Protein backbone atom coordinates (compact mmCIF):
# COMPACT_ATOMS: atom_id res chain seq x y z
CA MET A 1 0.23 0.44 0.26
CA LYS A 2 1.30 3.73 -0.54
CA SER A 3 1.21 5.84 2.33
CA ILE A 4 -1.50 8.27 2.72
CA LYS A 5 -2.33 11.59 4.32
CA ILE A 6 -3.30 11.25 7.83
CA GLU A 7 -5.74 14.31 6.85
CA ASP A 8 -7.36 12.96 3.62
CA LEU A 9 -8.08 9.46 5.96
CA ILE A 10 -9.83 11.87 8.35
CA SER A 11 -11.61 13.86 5.61
CA MET A 12 -12.91 10.71 4.39
CA GLU A 13 -14.62 9.09 7.56
CA ASN A 14 -17.69 10.74 7.44
CA ASN A 15 -18.63 10.41 10.93
CA ARG A 16 -17.57 6.89 11.32
CA GLU A 17 -15.70 6.03 14.58
CA GLU A 18 -12.98 4.09 12.58
CA VAL A 19 -11.32 3.90 8.88
CA ASP A 20 -10.06 1.01 7.11
CA VAL A 21 -6.52 1.93 6.31
CA GLY A 22 -5.33 -1.35 3.66
CA GLY A 23 -7.60 -3.63 5.67
CA ILE A 24 -6.25 -2.32 9.30
CA SER A 25 -9.26 -0.79 11.31
CA VAL A 26 -7.69 2.84 12.67
CA PRO A 27 -10.01 5.12 15.20
CA VAL A 28 -10.38 7.97 14.10
CA LEU A 29 -9.33 9.64 17.22
CA LYS A 30 -6.25 8.43 17.52
CA LEU A 31 -5.35 9.67 13.71
CA LYS A 32 -6.78 12.95 14.81
CA LYS A 33 -4.10 12.45 17.68
CA LEU A 34 -1.36 11.49 15.81
CA MET A 35 -2.10 14.71 13.77
CA GLU A 36 -2.08 16.47 16.74
CA ASP A 37 1.72 14.73 17.74
CA GLY A 38 3.15 15.89 14.65
CA TYR A 39 2.42 13.01 12.21
CA ALA A 40 1.26 13.88 8.73
CA GLN A 41 1.86 9.89 6.68
CA LEU A 42 0.78 6.80 6.95
CA ARG A 43 1.49 3.47 5.54
CA ALA A 44 -0.32 0.12 6.39
CA TYR A 45 1.37 -3.23 6.53
CA LYS A 46 -1.35 -5.90 6.08
CA LYS A 47 0.69 -8.66 6.57
CA ASN A 48 2.21 -8.11 9.89
CA ARG A 49 -0.91 -5.85 10.76
CA THR A 50 1.15 -2.68 11.28
CA VAL A 51 1.32 1.12 10.60
CA SER A 52 4.20 3.31 10.38
CA VAL A 53 3.56 7.15 10.67
CA TRP A 54 5.70 10.18 10.46
CA GLY A 55 6.14 13.79 9.88
CA LYS A 56 8.16 16.10 9.38
CA THR A 57 10.55 15.70 12.62
CA CYS A 58 9.05 12.37 14.21
CA SER A 59 8.27 8.54 12.74
CA ALA A 60 6.69 5.87 14.64
CA CYS A 61 5.62 2.09 14.19
CA PHE A 62 2.41 0.98 15.46
CA THR A 63 0.29 -2.36 15.94
CA GLU A 64 -3.15 -2.41 15.22
CA GLN A 65 -3.85 -3.23 18.89
CA GLN A 66 -1.91 0.11 20.33
CA LEU A 67 -3.80 1.88 17.69
CA ARG A 68 -7.35 0.51 19.11
CA GLY A 69 -5.48 0.92 22.64
CA LYS A 70 -6.25 -2.84 23.41
CA LYS A 71 -2.97 -4.64 25.45
CA SER A 72 -1.56 -7.51 24.12
CA ARG A 73 -0.42 -10.47 25.99
CA ASN A 74 3.07 -9.68 26.02
CA GLN A 75 2.06 -5.63 27.27
CA GLU A 76 -0.43 -7.26 30.88
């Protein structure tokens, strides 16, 4: 999947609570928080259920569980 602007994802949400990004369900509130934190681009990796995000001065990678606010068994 190509990268997409987080702002574009938010504008496509149409009052939904979540947006499907390459087969990964991401809460719109989390996308808005990522934008506030300086992230601008997103790329989803369906095979390993992760999302990478980056901006001018930051970058990160999250699992689908992290984006949805759920703890994995390893985090408990």
